[in-house]
């Protein structure tokens, strides 16, 4: 019988780091994604995700490495794994879940990509486009201040 492998994710913005982790998890067994709820994302990350839980769940269910998606709010522990008949938790090397070491498989994160990094790139691009349209230095200063404020708000520093 294949092991049930849990991968906990927020997937506020889906990227190749997520799919690489899911692919590695699929090599170990049946992949069950514990997807953080909108409430849990707001509480843990400090903002409402761009895509709501159902939209993020639909995206994950379309990935060939994902067999099932279940909700969670904050952090995972052995009781959560037991409740859902999950054998192992697969996570990046930033894991803070309280799972017994024998039930935890850690993989290195994909270097140079994160949802926060992607958000920062999008904002930077939007600001650059707006600055390019207006040669007025005052506009550039306002745009840069707005960019810095948004980065701070979304904890992208």
Protein backbone atom coordinates (compact mmCIF):
# COMPACT_ATOMS: atom_id res chain seq x y z
CA UNK A 1 0.00 0.00 0.00
CA UNK A 2 1.36 3.43 -0.98
CA UNK A 3 2.18 5.84 1.81
CA UNK A 4 0.04 8.94 2.18
CA UNK A 5 2.33 11.94 1.93
CA UNK A 6 1.26 15.31 3.29
CA UNK A 7 2.58 18.57 1.84
CA UNK A 8 1.36 21.69 3.63
CA UNK A 9 1.08 24.82 1.53
CA UNK A 10 -0.53 28.23 1.34
CA UNK A 11 -0.10 28.58 -2.44
CA UNK A 12 -0.95 32.26 -2.32
CA UNK A 13 0.80 32.40 -5.69
CA UNK A 14 1.59 29.08 -7.38
CA UNK A 15 5.15 28.78 -8.71
CA UNK A 16 7.68 26.21 -9.90
CA UNK A 17 9.08 25.75 -6.38
CA UNK A 18 5.68 24.37 -5.37
CA UNK A 19 5.48 21.97 -8.30
CA UNK A 20 9.03 20.74 -7.72
CA UNK A 21 8.20 19.94 -4.09
CA UNK A 22 4.98 18.17 -5.12
CA UNK A 23 6.88 16.11 -7.68
CA UNK A 24 9.39 14.99 -5.04
CA UNK A 25 6.54 14.14 -2.66
CA UNK A 26 4.81 12.07 -5.39
CA UNK A 27 7.93 9.91 -5.64
CA UNK A 28 7.27 8.88 -2.01
CA UNK A 29 3.57 8.02 -2.32
CA UNK A 30 0.06 9.46 -2.66
CA UNK A 31 0.19 13.24 -2.25
CA UNK A 32 -2.32 14.94 0.02
CA UNK A 33 -1.93 18.72 0.13
CA UNK A 34 -2.90 20.35 3.41
CA UNK A 35 -3.93 23.74 2.03
CA UNK A 36 -3.99 26.66 4.44
CA UNK A 37 -7.44 28.27 4.64
CA UNK A 38 -8.03 31.95 3.90
CA UNK A 39 -8.49 32.55 7.65
CA UNK A 40 -5.24 30.71 8.42
CA UNK A 41 -3.38 32.65 5.73
CA UNK A 42 -4.64 35.98 7.09
CA UNK A 43 -3.70 34.96 10.64
CA UNK A 44 -0.30 33.46 9.75
CA UNK A 45 0.90 35.72 6.91
CA UNK A 46 -1.03 38.88 7.77
CA UNK A 47 -3.02 39.28 4.55
CA UNK A 48 -5.88 37.74 2.58
CA UNK A 49 -4.49 35.68 -0.33
CA UNK A 50 -4.97 36.88 -3.90
CA UNK A 51 -6.86 33.67 -4.70
CA UNK A 52 -9.40 32.31 -2.23
CA UNK A 53 -9.24 28.79 -0.78
CA UNK A 54 -11.51 27.23 -3.43
CA UNK A 55 -9.54 28.82 -6.27
CA UNK A 56 -6.23 27.66 -4.80
CA UNK A 57 -7.67 24.18 -4.22
CA UNK A 58 -8.82 23.99 -7.85
CA UNK A 59 -5.33 24.92 -9.06
CA UNK A 60 -3.73 22.26 -6.89
CA UNK A 61 -6.20 19.58 -7.97
CA UNK A 62 -5.20 20.23 -11.58
CA UNK A 63 -1.57 19.29 -10.87
CA UNK A 64 -0.81 15.68 -11.75
CA UNK A 65 1.25 15.11 -8.61
CA UNK A 66 -1.66 16.00 -6.28
CA UNK A 67 -4.16 13.29 -5.32
CA UNK A 68 -6.18 15.11 -2.66
CA UNK A 69 -6.48 18.57 -1.06
CA UNK A 70 -7.63 19.09 2.54
CA UNK A 71 -7.87 22.27 4.65
CA UNK A 72 -5.77 23.38 7.60
CA UNK A 73 -5.53 26.67 9.46
CA UNK A 74 -2.19 27.15 11.18
CA UNK A 75 0.44 24.50 11.81
CA UNK A 76 0.49 20.73 11.47
CA UNK A 77 1.29 18.23 14.17
CA UNK A 78 1.20 14.47 14.58
CA UNK A 79 -2.46 14.61 15.64
CA UNK A 80 -3.39 16.24 12.29
CA UNK A 81 -1.41 13.60 10.38
CA UNK A 82 -3.13 10.85 12.40
CA UNK A 83 -6.59 12.38 11.88
CA UNK A 84 -6.11 12.26 8.10
CA UNK A 85 -4.20 8.96 7.95
CA UNK A 86 -1.05 10.65 6.68
CA UNK A 87 2.25 8.81 7.01
CA UNK A 88 4.78 11.59 6.35
CA UNK A 89 5.00 15.35 6.07
CA UNK A 90 7.15 16.65 3.22
CA UNK A 91 8.28 20.23 3.58
CA UNK A 92 10.94 22.69 2.51
CA UNK A 93 13.83 23.40 4.84
CA UNK A 94 11.86 26.25 6.44
CA UNK A 95 9.55 23.80 8.27
CA UNK A 96 8.15 24.95 11.62
CA UNK A 97 5.46 22.27 12.02
CA UNK A 98 5.61 20.18 15.19
CA UNK A 99 5.84 16.72 13.61
CA UNK A 100 7.95 13.86 14.93
CA UNK A 101 11.30 13.68 13.10
CA UNK A 102 10.59 10.14 11.85
CA UNK A 103 7.47 11.45 10.07
CA UNK A 104 9.21 14.42 8.45
CA UNK A 105 11.02 14.60 5.10
CA UNK A 106 12.79 17.88 4.39
CA UNK A 107 13.83 19.02 0.92
CA UNK A 108 15.80 22.20 0.13
CA UNK A 109 13.71 25.13 -1.06
CA UNK A 110 14.00 26.19 -4.68
CA UNK A 111 16.55 28.99 -4.66
CA UNK A 112 15.42 32.39 -5.86
CA UNK A 113 11.65 31.88 -5.85
CA UNK A 114 8.89 32.44 -3.35
CA UNK A 115 5.41 33.91 -3.43
CA UNK A 116 6.76 37.00 -1.66
CA UNK A 117 9.50 37.35 -4.28
CA UNK A 118 6.93 37.06 -7.09
CA UNK A 119 4.71 39.70 -5.46
CA UNK A 120 7.72 41.98 -5.18
CA UNK A 121 8.57 41.47 -8.87
CA UNK A 122 5.00 42.30 -9.93
CA UNK A 123 4.92 45.46 -7.84
CA UNK A 124 8.37 46.49 -9.08
CA UNK A 125 7.26 46.01 -12.68
CA UNK A 126 4.08 48.05 -12.15
CA UNK A 127 6.00 50.86 -10.49
CA UNK A 128 8.63 50.82 -13.26
CA UNK A 129 5.93 51.02 -15.92
CA UNK A 130 4.32 53.99 -14.22
CA UNK A 131 7.61 55.79 -13.66
CA UNK A 132 8.53 55.28 -17.31
CA UNK A 133 5.30 57.00 -18.39
CA UNK A 134 6.00 60.16 -16.41
CA UNK A 135 9.32 61.97 -16.33
CA UNK A 136 8.20 64.05 -13.33
CA UNK A 137 10.52 63.32 -10.38
CA UNK A 138 7.73 63.95 -7.90
CA UNK A 139 5.74 61.08 -9.45
CA UNK A 140 8.79 58.85 -9.19
CA UNK A 141 9.16 59.66 -5.50
CA UNK A 142 5.47 58.96 -4.84
CA UNK A 143 5.65 55.68 -6.78
CA UNK A 144 8.77 54.58 -4.90
CA UNK A 145 7.16 55.46 -1.53
CA UNK A 146 4.06 53.52 -2.48
CA UNK A 147 6.19 50.55 -3.52
CA UNK A 148 8.08 50.60 -0.21
CA UNK A 149 4.83 50.84 1.76
CA UNK A 150 3.30 47.88 -0.12
CA UNK A 151 6.42 45.77 0.39
CA UNK A 152 6.33 46.49 4.13
CA UNK A 153 2.59 45.72 4.34
CA UNK A 154 3.04 42.36 2.60
CA UNK A 155 6.21 41.60 4.59
CA UNK A 156 8.41 41.47 1.48
CA UNK A 157 11.39 43.24 3.05
